[in-house]
PDB file of N, CA and C in Angstrom:
ATOM      1  N   MET A   1     -17.110  17.435 -17.851  1.00  0.00           N
ATOM      2  CA  MET A   1     -18.467  17.014 -18.042  1.00  0.00           C
ATOM      3  C   MET A   1     -18.651  16.411 -19.426  1.00  0.00           C
ATOM      4  N   ALA A   2     -17.930  16.857 -20.409  1.00  0.00           N
ATOM      5  CA  ALA A   2     -18.119  16.342 -21.770  1.00  0.00           C
ATOM      6  C   ALA A   2     -17.852  14.845 -21.862  1.00  0.00           C
ATOM      7  N   ALA A   3     -16.994  14.313 -21.001  1.00  0.00           N
ATOM      8  CA  ALA A   3     -16.680  12.893 -21.023  1.00  0.00           C
ATOM      9  C   ALA A   3     -17.827  12.045 -20.458  1.00  0.00           C
ATOM     10  N   THR A   4     -18.709  12.658 -19.700  1.00  0.00           N
ATOM     11  CA  THR A   4     -19.793  11.927 -19.063  1.00  0.00           C
ATOM     12  C   THR A   4     -21.142  12.145 -19.759  1.00  0.00           C
ATOM     13  N   PHE A   5     -21.411  13.346 -20.140  1.00  0.00           N
ATOM     14  CA  PHE A   5     -22.710  13.702 -20.736  1.00  0.00           C
ATOM     15  C   PHE A   5     -22.513  14.300 -22.127  1.00  0.00           C
ATOM     16  N   ALA A   6     -23.419  13.990 -23.029  1.00  0.00           N
ATOM     17  CA  ALA A   6     -23.403  14.627 -24.337  1.00  0.00           C
ATOM     18  C   ALA A   6     -23.812  16.085 -24.201  1.00  0.00           C
ATOM     19  N   SER A   7     -24.707  16.363 -23.248  1.00  0.00           N
ATOM     20  CA  SER A   7     -25.101  17.730 -22.939  1.00  0.00           C
ATOM     21  C   SER A   7     -25.480  17.772 -21.461  1.00  0.00           C
ATOM     22  N   ALA A   8     -25.512  18.947 -20.921  1.00  0.00           N
ATOM     23  CA  ALA A   8     -25.834  19.095 -19.504  1.00  0.00           C
ATOM     24  C   ALA A   8     -27.254  18.613 -19.232  1.00  0.00           C
ATOM     25  N   PRO A   9     -27.459  17.838 -18.172  1.00  0.00           N
ATOM     26  CA  PRO A   9     -28.820  17.379 -17.840  1.00  0.00           C
ATOM     27  C   PRO A   9     -29.697  18.580 -17.472  1.00  0.00           C
ATOM     28  N   THR A  10     -30.966  18.420 -17.697  1.00  0.00           N
ATOM     29  CA  THR A  10     -31.913  19.461 -17.321  1.00  0.00           C
ATOM     30  C   THR A  10     -32.027  19.502 -15.795  1.00  0.00           C
ATOM     31  N   ARG A  11     -31.983  20.693 -15.259  1.00  0.00           N
ATOM     32  CA  ARG A  11     -32.094  20.869 -13.807  1.00  0.00           C
ATOM     33  C   ARG A  11     -33.493  20.498 -13.350  1.00  0.00           C
ATOM     34  N   LEU A  12     -33.576  19.808 -12.202  1.00  0.00           N
ATOM     35  CA  LEU A  12     -34.878  19.448 -11.645  1.00  0.00           C
ATOM     36  C   LEU A  12     -35.600  20.685 -11.119  1.00  0.00           C
ATOM     37  N   SER A  13     -36.898  20.680 -11.304  1.00  0.00           N
ATOM     38  CA  SER A  13     -37.702  21.740 -10.698  1.00  0.00           C
ATOM     39  C   SER A  13     -37.734  21.498  -9.192  1.00  0.00           C
ATOM     40  N   PRO A  14     -38.068  22.513  -8.399  1.00  0.00           N
ATOM     41  CA  PRO A  14     -38.145  22.303  -6.949  1.00  0.00           C
ATOM     42  C   PRO A  14     -39.076  21.143  -6.573  1.00  0.00           C
ATOM     43  N   GLY A  15     -40.195  21.016  -7.237  1.00  0.00           N
ATOM     44  CA  GLY A  15     -41.126  19.936  -6.945  1.00  0.00           C
ATOM     45  C   GLY A  15     -40.557  18.571  -7.316  1.00  0.00           C
ATOM     46  N   ALA A  16     -39.912  18.486  -8.471  1.00  0.00           N
ATOM     47  CA  ALA A  16     -39.300  17.206  -8.893  1.00  0.00           C
ATOM     48  C   ALA A  16     -38.160  16.839  -7.963  1.00  0.00           C
ATOM     49  N   LYS A  17     -37.383  17.825  -7.511  1.00  0.00           N
ATOM     50  CA  LYS A  17     -36.289  17.563  -6.577  1.00  0.00           C
ATOM     51  C   LYS A  17     -36.850  17.046  -5.250  1.00  0.00           C
ATOM     52  N   ARG A  18     -37.918  17.663  -4.761  1.00  0.00           N
ATOM     53  CA  ARG A  18     -38.561  17.243  -3.518  1.00  0.00           C
ATOM     54  C   ARG A  18     -39.076  15.802  -3.646  1.00  0.00           C
ATOM     55  N   ASP A  19     -39.704  15.476  -4.798  1.00  0.00           N
ATOM     56  CA  ASP A  19     -40.212  14.122  -5.024  1.00  0.00           C
ATOM     57  C   ASP A  19     -39.075  13.108  -5.089  1.00  0.00           C
ATOM     58  N   TRP A  20     -37.973  13.457  -5.752  1.00  0.00           N
ATOM     59  CA  TRP A  20     -36.821  12.569  -5.873  1.00  0.00           C
ATOM     60  C   TRP A  20     -36.222  12.290  -4.495  1.00  0.00           C
ATOM     61  N   ILE A  21     -36.043  13.324  -3.679  1.00  0.00           N
ATOM     62  CA  ILE A  21     -35.483  13.151  -2.342  1.00  0.00           C
ATOM     63  C   ILE A  21     -36.406  12.291  -1.478  1.00  0.00           C
ATOM     64  N   ALA A  22     -37.711  12.467  -1.620  1.00  0.00           N
ATOM     65  CA  ALA A  22     -38.677  11.709  -0.817  1.00  0.00           C
ATOM     66  C   ALA A  22     -38.591  10.199  -1.108  1.00  0.00           C
ATOM     67  N   GLU A  23     -38.108   9.844  -2.293  1.00  0.00           N
ATOM     68  CA  GLU A  23     -38.002   8.434  -2.673  1.00  0.00           C
ATOM     69  C   GLU A  23     -36.676   7.792  -2.275  1.00  0.00           C
ATOM     70  N   LEU A  24     -35.693   8.599  -1.827  1.00  0.00           N
ATOM     71  CA  LEU A  24     -34.391   8.040  -1.492  1.00  0.00           C
ATOM     72  C   LEU A  24     -34.483   7.134  -0.283  1.00  0.00           C
ATOM     73  N   SER A  25     -33.737   6.025  -0.326  1.00  0.00           N
ATOM     74  CA  SER A  25     -33.595   5.154   0.839  1.00  0.00           C
ATOM     75  C   SER A  25     -32.343   4.318   0.625  1.00  0.00           C
ATOM     76  N   GLY A  26     -31.840   3.782   1.711  1.00  0.00           N
ATOM     77  CA  GLY A  26     -30.644   2.947   1.618  1.00  0.00           C
ATOM     78  C   GLY A  26     -29.372   3.746   1.460  1.00  0.00           C
ATOM     79  N   VAL A  27     -29.422   5.025   1.770  1.00  0.00           N
ATOM     80  CA  VAL A  27     -28.264   5.907   1.635  1.00  0.00           C
ATOM     81  C   VAL A  27     -27.319   5.710   2.831  1.00  0.00           C
ATOM     82  N   THR A  28     -26.011   5.759   2.592  1.00  0.00           N
ATOM     83  CA  THR A  28     -25.018   5.672   3.647  1.00  0.00           C
ATOM     84  C   THR A  28     -24.388   7.031   3.869  1.00  0.00           C
ATOM     85  N   LEU A  29     -24.276   7.436   5.110  1.00  0.00           N
ATOM     86  CA  LEU A  29     -23.598   8.683   5.521  1.00  0.00           C
ATOM     87  C   LEU A  29     -22.305   8.298   6.204  1.00  0.00           C
ATOM     88  N   GLY A  30     -21.194   8.824   5.699  1.00  0.00           N
ATOM     89  CA  GLY A  30     -19.913   8.562   6.318  1.00  0.00           C
ATOM     90  C   GLY A  30     -19.251   9.855   6.750  1.00  0.00           C
ATOM     91  N   SER A  31     -18.524   9.802   7.849  1.00  0.00           N
ATOM     92  CA  SER A  31     -17.801  10.970   8.343  1.00  0.00           C
ATOM     93  C   SER A  31     -16.356  10.586   8.604  1.00  0.00           C
ATOM     94  N   ASP A  32     -15.442  11.498   8.248  1.00  0.00           N
ATOM     95  CA  ASP A  32     -14.025  11.232   8.514  1.00  0.00           C
ATOM     96  C   ASP A  32     -13.620  11.664   9.928  1.00  0.00           C
ATOM     97  N   ALA A  33     -14.601  12.044  10.707  1.00  0.00           N
ATOM     98  CA  ALA A  33     -14.375  12.385  12.102  1.00  0.00           C
ATOM     99  C   ALA A  33     -15.505  11.749  12.912  1.00  0.00           C
ATOM    100  N   PHE A  34     -16.028  12.466  13.879  1.00  0.00           N
ATOM    101  CA  PHE A  34     -17.210  11.950  14.571  1.00  0.00           C
ATOM    102  C   PHE A  34     -18.385  12.825  14.195  1.00  0.00           C
ATOM    103  N   ILE A  35     -19.579  12.320  14.477  1.00  0.00           N
ATOM    104  CA  ILE A  35     -20.795  13.088  14.248  1.00  0.00           C
ATOM    105  C   ILE A  35     -21.175  13.669  15.619  1.00  0.00           C
ATOM    106  N   PRO A  36     -20.998  14.983  15.775  1.00  0.00           N
ATOM    107  CA  PRO A  36     -21.067  15.561  17.119  1.00  0.00           C
ATOM    108  C   PRO A  36     -22.452  15.842  17.680  1.00  0.00           C
ATOM    109  N   PHE A  37     -23.455  15.948  16.820  1.00  0.00           N
ATOM    110  CA  PHE A  37     -24.773  16.350  17.313  1.00  0.00           C
ATOM    111  C   PHE A  37     -25.860  15.511  16.658  1.00  0.00           C
ATOM    112  N   ARG A  38     -26.921  15.256  17.379  1.00  0.00           N
ATOM    113  CA  ARG A  38     -28.015  14.454  16.862  1.00  0.00           C
ATOM    114  C   ARG A  38     -28.729  15.138  15.691  1.00  0.00           C
ATOM    115  N   ASP A  39     -28.647  16.476  15.590  1.00  0.00           N
ATOM    116  CA  ASP A  39     -29.345  17.131  14.477  1.00  0.00           C
ATOM    117  C   ASP A  39     -28.759  16.710  13.130  1.00  0.00           C
ATOM    118  N   ASN A  40     -27.509  16.255  13.110  1.00  0.00           N
ATOM    119  CA  ASN A  40     -26.939  15.707  11.884  1.00  0.00           C
ATOM    120  C   ASN A  40     -27.710  14.462  11.456  1.00  0.00           C
ATOM    121  N   ILE A  41     -28.096  13.647  12.411  1.00  0.00           N
ATOM    122  CA  ILE A  41     -28.866  12.440  12.141  1.00  0.00           C
ATOM    123  C   ILE A  41     -30.316  12.786  11.783  1.00  0.00           C
ATOM    124  N   ASP A  42     -30.879  13.766  12.485  1.00  0.00           N
ATOM    125  CA  ASP A  42     -32.228  14.230  12.139  1.00  0.00           C
ATOM    126  C   ASP A  42     -32.294  14.672  10.680  1.00  0.00           C
ATOM    127  N   ARG A  43     -31.279  15.422  10.256  1.00  0.00           N
ATOM    128  CA  ARG A  43     -31.253  15.900   8.874  1.00  0.00           C
ATOM    129  C   ARG A  43     -31.036  14.753   7.900  1.00  0.00           C
ATOM    130  N   ALA A  44     -30.143  13.841   8.258  1.00  0.00           N
ATOM    131  CA  ALA A  44     -29.856  12.708   7.378  1.00  0.00           C
ATOM    132  C   ALA A  44     -31.087  11.846   7.153  1.00  0.00           C
ATOM    133  N   ALA A  45     -31.896  11.694   8.173  1.00  0.00           N
ATOM    134  CA  ALA A  45     -33.108  10.873   8.059  1.00  0.00           C
ATOM    135  C   ALA A  45     -34.072  11.439   7.012  1.00  0.00           C
ATOM    136  N   LYS A  46     -34.027  12.748   6.795  1.00  0.00           N
ATOM    137  CA  LYS A  46     -34.908  13.381   5.816  1.00  0.00           C
ATOM    138  C   LYS A  46     -34.494  13.084   4.376  1.00  0.00           C
ATOM    139  N   THR A  47     -33.297  12.554   4.171  1.00  0.00           N
ATOM    140  CA  THR A  47     -32.832  12.287   2.819  1.00  0.00           C
ATOM    141  C   THR A  47     -32.451  10.829   2.609  1.00  0.00           C
ATOM    142  N   GLY A  48     -33.135   9.949   3.295  1.00  0.00           N
ATOM    143  CA  GLY A  48     -33.011   8.530   3.012  1.00  0.00           C
ATOM    144  C   GLY A  48     -31.820   7.800   3.603  1.00  0.00           C
ATOM    145  N   VAL A  49     -31.146   8.408   4.575  1.00  0.00           N
ATOM    146  CA  VAL A  49     -29.990   7.709   5.173  1.00  0.00           C
ATOM    147  C   VAL A  49     -30.489   6.597   6.085  1.00  0.00           C
ATOM    148  N   ASN A  50     -29.946   5.400   5.858  1.00  0.00           N
ATOM    149  CA  ASN A  50     -30.245   4.253   6.704  1.00  0.00           C
ATOM    150  C   ASN A  50     -29.020   3.700   7.405  1.00  0.00           C
ATOM    151  N   TYR A  51     -27.832   4.121   6.945  1.00  0.00           N
ATOM    152  CA  TYR A  51     -26.569   3.579   7.472  1.00  0.00           C
ATOM    153  C   TYR A  51     -25.605   4.741   7.747  1.00  0.00           C
ATOM    154  N   VAL A  52     -24.942   4.681   8.892  1.00  0.00           N
ATOM    155  CA  VAL A  52     -23.993   5.718   9.281  1.00  0.00           C
ATOM    156  C   VAL A  52     -22.680   5.058   9.681  1.00  0.00           C
ATOM    157  N   VAL A  53     -21.582   5.618   9.162  1.00  0.00           N
ATOM    158  CA  VAL A  53     -20.237   5.181   9.526  1.00  0.00           C
ATOM    159  C   VAL A  53     -19.501   6.416  10.024  1.00  0.00           C
ATOM    160  N   GLN A  54     -18.895   6.271  11.221  1.00  0.00           N
ATOM    161  CA  GLN A  54     -18.181   7.407  11.783  1.00  0.00           C
ATOM    162  C   GLN A  54     -17.097   6.900  12.717  1.00  0.00           C
ATOM    163  N   ALA A  55     -16.179   7.790  13.057  1.00  0.00           N
ATOM    164  CA  ALA A  55     -15.066   7.415  13.933  1.00  0.00           C
ATOM    165  C   ALA A  55     -15.534   7.142  15.358  1.00  0.00           C
ATOM    166  N   GLY A  56     -16.516   7.889  15.827  1.00  0.00           N
ATOM    167  CA  GLY A  56     -16.977   7.745  17.205  1.00  0.00           C
ATOM    168  C   GLY A  56     -16.076   8.483  18.180  1.00  0.00           C
ATOM    169  N   ASN A  57     -16.373   8.337  19.438  1.00  0.00           N
ATOM    170  CA  ASN A  57     -15.598   8.937  20.529  1.00  0.00           C
ATOM    171  C   ASN A  57     -15.925  10.412  20.756  1.00  0.00           C
ATOM    172  N   SER A  58     -17.135  10.814  20.402  1.00  0.00           N
ATOM    173  CA  SER A  58     -17.600  12.162  20.738  1.00  0.00           C
ATOM    174  C   SER A  58     -18.241  12.108  22.118  1.00  0.00           C
ATOM    175  N   LEU A  59     -18.214  13.221  22.811  1.00  0.00           N
ATOM    176  CA  LEU A  59     -18.891  13.297  24.099  1.00  0.00           C
ATOM    177  C   LEU A  59     -20.407  13.094  23.946  1.00  0.00           C
ATOM    178  N   ARG A  60     -20.914  13.362  22.770  1.00  0.00           N
ATOM    179  CA  ARG A  60     -22.346  13.272  22.534  1.00  0.00           C
ATOM    180  C   ARG A  60     -22.747  11.971  21.794  1.00  0.00           C
ATOM    181  N   ASP A  61     -21.861  11.007  21.751  1.00  0.00           N
ATOM    182  CA  ASP A  61     -22.203   9.730  21.107  1.00  0.00           C
ATOM    183  C   ASP A  61     -23.536   9.153  21.590  1.00  0.00           C
ATOM    184  N   PRO A  62     -23.831   9.200  22.907  1.00  0.00           N
ATOM    185  CA  PRO A  62     -25.134   8.638  23.327  1.00  0.00           C
ATOM    186  C   PRO A  62     -26.338   9.318  22.666  1.00  0.00           C
ATOM    187  N   ASP A  63     -26.248  10.651  22.439  1.00  0.00           N
ATOM    188  CA  ASP A  63     -27.342  11.377  21.751  1.00  0.00           C
ATOM    189  C   ASP A  63     -27.459  10.931  20.308  1.00  0.00           C
ATOM    190  N   VAL A  64     -26.313  10.761  19.649  1.00  0.00           N
ATOM    191  CA  VAL A  64     -26.308  10.353  18.236  1.00  0.00           C
ATOM    192  C   VAL A  64     -26.811   8.903  18.119  1.00  0.00           C
ATOM    193  N   ILE A  65     -26.400   8.042  19.025  1.00  0.00           N
ATOM    194  CA  ILE A  65     -26.867   6.654  19.022  1.00  0.00           C
ATOM    195  C   ILE A  65     -28.391   6.608  19.216  1.00  0.00           C
ATOM    196  N   ALA A  66     -28.904   7.404  20.150  1.00  0.00           N
ATOM    197  CA  ALA A  66     -30.348   7.463  20.385  1.00  0.00           C
ATOM    198  C   ALA A  66     -31.097   7.932  19.148  1.00  0.00           C
ATOM    199  N   ALA A  67     -30.536   8.907  18.418  1.00  0.00           N
ATOM    200  CA  ALA A  67     -31.178   9.398  17.210  1.00  0.00           C
ATOM    201  C   ALA A  67     -31.200   8.304  16.157  1.00  0.00           C
ATOM    202  N   CYS A  68     -30.088   7.584  15.983  1.00  0.00           N
ATOM    203  CA  CYS A  68     -30.035   6.492  15.014  1.00  0.00           C
ATOM    204  C   CYS A  68     -31.055   5.419  15.384  1.00  0.00           C
ATOM    205  N   ASP A  69     -31.135   5.111  16.667  1.00  0.00           N
ATOM    206  CA  ASP A  69     -32.130   4.121  17.112  1.00  0.00           C
ATOM    207  C   ASP A  69     -33.548   4.577  16.814  1.00  0.00           C
ATOM    208  N   GLN A  70     -33.810   5.855  17.036  1.00  0.00           N
ATOM    209  CA  GLN A  70     -35.141   6.406  16.774  1.00  0.00           C
ATOM    210  C   GLN A  70     -35.547   6.231  15.323  1.00  0.00           C
ATOM    211  N   TYR A  71     -34.594   6.435  14.393  1.00  0.00           N
ATOM    212  CA  TYR A  71     -34.879   6.341  12.983  1.00  0.00           C
ATOM    213  C   TYR A  71     -34.638   4.962  12.390  1.00  0.00           C
ATOM    214  N   GLY A  72     -34.226   4.008  13.229  1.00  0.00           N
ATOM    215  CA  GLY A  72     -33.948   2.670  12.726  1.00  0.00           C
ATOM    216  C   GLY A  72     -32.715   2.590  11.848  1.00  0.00           C
ATOM    217  N   MET A  73     -31.759   3.482  12.070  1.00  0.00           N
ATOM    218  CA  MET A  73     -30.510   3.498  11.287  1.00  0.00           C
ATOM    219  C   MET A  73     -29.477   2.580  11.941  1.00  0.00           C
ATOM    220  N   ALA A  74     -28.695   1.919  11.117  1.00  0.00           N
ATOM    221  CA  ALA A  74     -27.554   1.165  11.598  1.00  0.00           C
ATOM    222  C   ALA A  74     -26.354   2.094  11.626  1.00  0.00           C
ATOM    223  N   MET A  75     -25.590   2.074  12.739  1.00  0.00           N
ATOM    224  CA  MET A  75     -24.414   2.918  12.817  1.00  0.00           C
ATOM    225  C   MET A  75     -23.221   2.080  13.242  1.00  0.00           C
ATOM    226  N   VAL A  76     -22.089   2.352  12.591  1.00  0.00           N
ATOM    227  CA  VAL A  76     -20.845   1.659  12.887  1.00  0.00           C
ATOM    228  C   VAL A  76     -19.814   2.695  13.307  1.00  0.00           C
ATOM    229  N   PHE A  77     -19.117   2.409  14.407  1.00  0.00           N
ATOM    230  CA  PHE A  77     -17.965   3.201  14.809  1.00  0.00           C
ATOM    231  C   PHE A  77     -16.745   2.481  14.256  1.00  0.00           C
ATOM    232  N   ASN A  78     -16.027   3.110  13.323  1.00  0.00           N
ATOM    233  CA  ASN A  78     -14.856   2.448  12.751  1.00  0.00           C
ATOM    234  C   ASN A  78     -13.574   2.777  13.490  1.00  0.00           C
ATOM    235  N   GLY A  79     -13.596   3.759  14.386  1.00  0.00           N
ATOM    236  CA  GLY A  79     -12.426   4.106  15.180  1.00  0.00           C
ATOM    237  C   GLY A  79     -11.327   4.797  14.401  1.00  0.00           C
ATOM    238  N   VAL A  80     -11.584   5.150  13.147  1.00  0.00           N
ATOM    239  CA  VAL A  80     -10.560   5.801  12.320  1.00  0.00           C
ATOM    240  C   VAL A  80     -10.932   7.270  12.156  1.00  0.00           C
ATOM    241  N   ARG A  81     -10.115   8.133  12.669  1.00  0.00           N
ATOM    242  CA  ARG A  81     -10.385   9.562  12.565  1.00  0.00           C
ATOM    243  C   ARG A  81      -9.388  10.183  11.607  1.00  0.00           C
ATOM    244  N   LEU A  82      -9.883  10.637  10.461  1.00  0.00           N
ATOM    245  CA  LEU A  82      -9.018  11.221   9.445  1.00  0.00           C
ATOM    246  C   LEU A  82      -8.989  12.736   9.547  1.00  0.00           C
ATOM    247  N   PHE A  83      -9.968  13.321  10.202  1.00  0.00           N
ATOM    248  CA  PHE A  83     -10.054  14.779  10.317  1.00  0.00           C
ATOM    249  C   PHE A  83      -9.309  15.214  11.556  1.00  0.00           C
ATOM    250  N   HIS A  84      -8.307  16.049  11.358  1.00  0.00           N
ATOM    251  CA  HIS A  84      -7.524  16.576  12.486  1.00  0.00           C
ATOM    252  C   HIS A  84      -7.487  18.077  12.417  1.00  0.00           C
ATOM    253  N   HIS A  85      -7.517  18.736  13.564  1.00  0.00           N
ATOM    254  CA  HIS A  85      -7.399  20.199  13.587  1.00  0.00           C
ATOM    255  C   HIS A  85      -6.661  20.620  14.810  1.00  0.00           C
TER     256      HIS A  85
END
């Protein structure tokens, strides 16, 4: 941290954090696998996400696509899955 800041930044109060999050827009959400449930998109919409990049090929892709459409988000399936288990 010393290489970046002369001193630690002051922590935001809960109200200031809420105000800062409310102003976010143009955020990109990327996943190294697929996004399996629409609630991931519901949550992302609350923090300014407008763009989603994911591998795709989930059984629930239609639900996730519908959620992105509902929020006016652009989503790209890149077909690259880096997460393996």
